[in-house]
Amino acid sequence: MIKKYKFLLITILLFSSETLAFSPEIEQEIYVGCYGSSKQYIGPEKAKRYCLCTLKKLNEKYNDEQINEVFKQKPEKIIEATKFASLFCEKQI
């Protein structure tokens, strides 16, 4: 029962237009990519928190067009452009 509420809360946080300005498709794409690669290293619960935090921080700096441009670049440039969010959120979990 608690897992259902956690899922609902995460879904609301991910797709709430008040909290995040990214389109739902971009939010989901970023979250799924982050979660898939993070959970194997930090576990599912920490990965959820980390990825929601990262999504929020990226949204504070980039809009849809800007984040799409970032993700079209080479991996080194993507890491450089998103490092601020990763570093901040690593400290939060």
C-alpha atoms as a PDB file:
ATOM      1  CA  MET A   1       0.000   0.000   0.000  1.00  0.00           C
ATOM      2  CA  ILE A   2       2.789   2.431   0.898  1.00  0.00           C
ATOM      3  CA  LYS A   3       4.543   1.660  -2.395  1.00  0.00           C
ATOM      4  CA  LYS A   4       1.439   2.812  -4.274  1.00  0.00           C
ATOM      5  CA  TYR A   5       1.522   6.141  -2.473  1.00  0.00           C
ATOM      6  CA  LYS A   6       5.229   6.553  -3.148  1.00  0.00           C
ATOM      7  CA  PHE A   7       4.612   5.876  -6.836  1.00  0.00           C
ATOM      8  CA  LEU A   8       1.759   8.381  -6.871  1.00  0.00           C
ATOM      9  CA  LEU A   9       3.894  11.018  -5.148  1.00  0.00           C
ATOM     10  CA  ILE A  10       6.767  10.507  -7.583  1.00  0.00           C
ATOM     11  CA  THR A  11       4.399  10.680 -10.534  1.00  0.00           C
ATOM     12  CA  ILE A  12       2.881  13.909  -9.242  1.00  0.00           C
ATOM     13  CA  LEU A  13       6.326  15.413  -8.660  1.00  0.00           C
ATOM     14  CA  LEU A  14       7.542  14.366 -12.081  1.00  0.00           C
ATOM     15  CA  PHE A  15       4.596  15.638 -14.028  1.00  0.00           C
ATOM     16  CA  SER A  16       3.543  18.671 -12.017  1.00  0.00           C
ATOM     17  CA  SER A  17       3.801  21.714 -14.230  1.00  0.00           C
ATOM     18  CA  GLU A  18       3.996  23.980 -11.182  1.00  0.00           C
ATOM     19  CA  THR A  19       7.216  22.419  -9.929  1.00  0.00           C
ATOM     20  CA  LEU A  20       8.888  21.696 -13.222  1.00  0.00           C
ATOM     21  CA  ALA A  21       8.670  23.548 -16.499  1.00  0.00           C
ATOM     22  CA  PHE A  22      10.048  20.781 -18.735  1.00  0.00           C
ATOM     23  CA  SER A  23       7.489  19.090 -20.921  1.00  0.00           C
ATOM     24  CA  PRO A  24       6.265  15.763 -19.497  1.00  0.00           C
ATOM     25  CA  GLU A  25       8.101  13.891 -22.261  1.00  0.00           C
ATOM     26  CA  ILE A  26      11.430  15.504 -21.441  1.00  0.00           C
ATOM     27  CA  GLU A  27      10.904  15.052 -17.699  1.00  0.00           C
ATOM     28  CA  GLN A  28      10.219  11.359 -18.204  1.00  0.00           C
ATOM     29  CA  GLU A  29      13.164  10.908 -20.563  1.00  0.00           C
ATOM     30  CA  ILE A  30      15.599  12.556 -18.142  1.00  0.00           C
ATOM     31  CA  TYR A  31      14.216  10.718 -15.122  1.00  0.00           C
ATOM     32  CA  VAL A  32      14.205   7.289 -16.779  1.00  0.00           C
ATOM     33  CA  GLY A  33      17.748   7.753 -18.071  1.00  0.00           C
ATOM     34  CA  CYS A  34      18.969   8.942 -14.694  1.00  0.00           C
ATOM     35  CA  TYR A  35      17.165   6.275 -12.683  1.00  0.00           C
ATOM     36  CA  GLY A  36      18.249   3.441 -14.948  1.00  0.00           C
ATOM     37  CA  SER A  37      21.906   4.291 -14.584  1.00  0.00           C
ATOM     38  CA  SER A  38      21.824   5.371 -10.925  1.00  0.00           C
ATOM     39  CA  LYS A  39      19.899   2.586  -9.205  1.00  0.00           C
ATOM     40  CA  GLN A  40      22.613   0.018  -9.831  1.00  0.00           C
ATOM     41  CA  TYR A  41      25.108   2.151  -7.915  1.00  0.00           C
ATOM     42  CA  ILE A  42      23.069   3.737  -5.128  1.00  0.00           C
ATOM     43  CA  GLY A  43      19.947   1.563  -4.907  1.00  0.00           C
ATOM     44  CA  PRO A  44      16.375   2.299  -5.962  1.00  0.00           C
ATOM     45  CA  GLU A  45      15.306   4.637  -3.134  1.00  0.00           C
ATOM     46  CA  LYS A  46      18.362   6.869  -3.297  1.00  0.00           C
ATOM     47  CA  ALA A  47      18.197   6.809  -7.092  1.00  0.00           C
ATOM     48  CA  LYS A  48      14.630   8.152  -6.982  1.00  0.00           C
ATOM     49  CA  ARG A  49      15.636  11.025  -4.713  1.00  0.00           C
ATOM     50  CA  TYR A  50      18.799  11.736  -6.664  1.00  0.00           C
ATOM     51  CA  CYS A  51      17.033  11.767 -10.028  1.00  0.00           C
ATOM     52  CA  LEU A  52      14.163  13.954  -8.858  1.00  0.00           C
ATOM     53  CA  CYS A  53      16.700  16.381  -7.425  1.00  0.00           C
ATOM     54  CA  THR A  54      18.741  16.347 -10.625  1.00  0.00           C
ATOM     55  CA  LEU A  55      15.652  16.911 -12.720  1.00  0.00           C
ATOM     56  CA  LYS A  56      14.671  19.881 -10.564  1.00  0.00           C
ATOM     57  CA  LYS A  57      18.143  21.452 -10.734  1.00  0.00           C
ATOM     58  CA  LEU A  58      18.374  21.020 -14.507  1.00  0.00           C
ATOM     59  CA  ASN A  59      14.950  22.592 -14.856  1.00  0.00           C
ATOM     60  CA  GLU A  60      16.085  25.631 -12.878  1.00  0.00           C
ATOM     61  CA  LYS A  61      18.782  26.297 -15.455  1.00  0.00           C
ATOM     62  CA  TYR A  62      17.420  24.978 -18.758  1.00  0.00           C
ATOM     63  CA  ASN A  63      14.168  25.030 -20.708  1.00  0.00           C
ATOM     64  CA  ASP A  64      13.083  22.337 -23.191  1.00  0.00           C
ATOM     65  CA  GLU A  65      15.020  23.768 -26.135  1.00  0.00           C
ATOM     66  CA  GLN A  66      18.174  24.316 -24.123  1.00  0.00           C
ATOM     67  CA  ILE A  67      18.202  20.845 -22.559  1.00  0.00           C
ATOM     68  CA  ASN A  68      17.610  19.273 -25.971  1.00  0.00           C
ATOM     69  CA  GLU A  69      20.641  21.150 -27.289  1.00  0.00           C
ATOM     70  CA  VAL A  70      22.712  19.970 -24.328  1.00  0.00           C
ATOM     71  CA  PHE A  71      21.784  16.329 -24.937  1.00  0.00           C
ATOM     72  CA  LYS A  72      22.680  16.573 -28.651  1.00  0.00           C
ATOM     73  CA  GLN A  73      26.311  17.230 -27.722  1.00  0.00           C
ATOM     74  CA  LYS A  74      29.153  14.781 -27.135  1.00  0.00           C
ATOM     75  CA  PRO A  75      29.087  12.925 -23.795  1.00  0.00           C
ATOM     76  CA  GLU A  76      31.913  15.041 -22.377  1.00  0.00           C
ATOM     77  CA  LYS A  77      29.959  18.234 -23.041  1.00  0.00           C
ATOM     78  CA  ILE A  78      26.766  16.751 -21.560  1.00  0.00           C
ATOM     79  CA  ILE A  79      28.632  15.841 -18.383  1.00  0.00           C
ATOM     80  CA  GLU A  80      30.130  19.309 -18.190  1.00  0.00           C
ATOM     81  CA  ALA A  81      26.757  21.027 -18.713  1.00  0.00           C
ATOM     82  CA  THR A  82      24.945  18.916 -16.103  1.00  0.00           C
ATOM     83  CA  LYS A  83      27.719  18.529 -13.542  1.00  0.00           C
ATOM     84  CA  PHE A  84      26.352  21.275 -11.276  1.00  0.00           C
ATOM     85  CA  ALA A  85      23.125  19.318 -10.773  1.00  0.00           C
ATOM     86  CA  SER A  86      24.925  16.030 -10.168  1.00  0.00           C
ATOM     87  CA  LEU A  87      27.261  17.509  -7.589  1.00  0.00           C
ATOM     88  CA  PHE A  88      24.464  19.295  -5.748  1.00  0.00           C
ATOM     89  CA  CYS A  89      22.200  16.250  -5.665  1.00  0.00           C
ATOM     90  CA  GLU A  90      24.957  13.853  -4.603  1.00  0.00           C
ATOM     91  CA  LYS A  91      25.208  15.914  -1.412  1.00  0.00           C
ATOM     92  CA  GLN A  92      21.436  15.788  -0.889  1.00  0.00           C
ATOM     93  CA  ILE A  93      21.108  12.012  -0.794  1.00  0.00           C
END
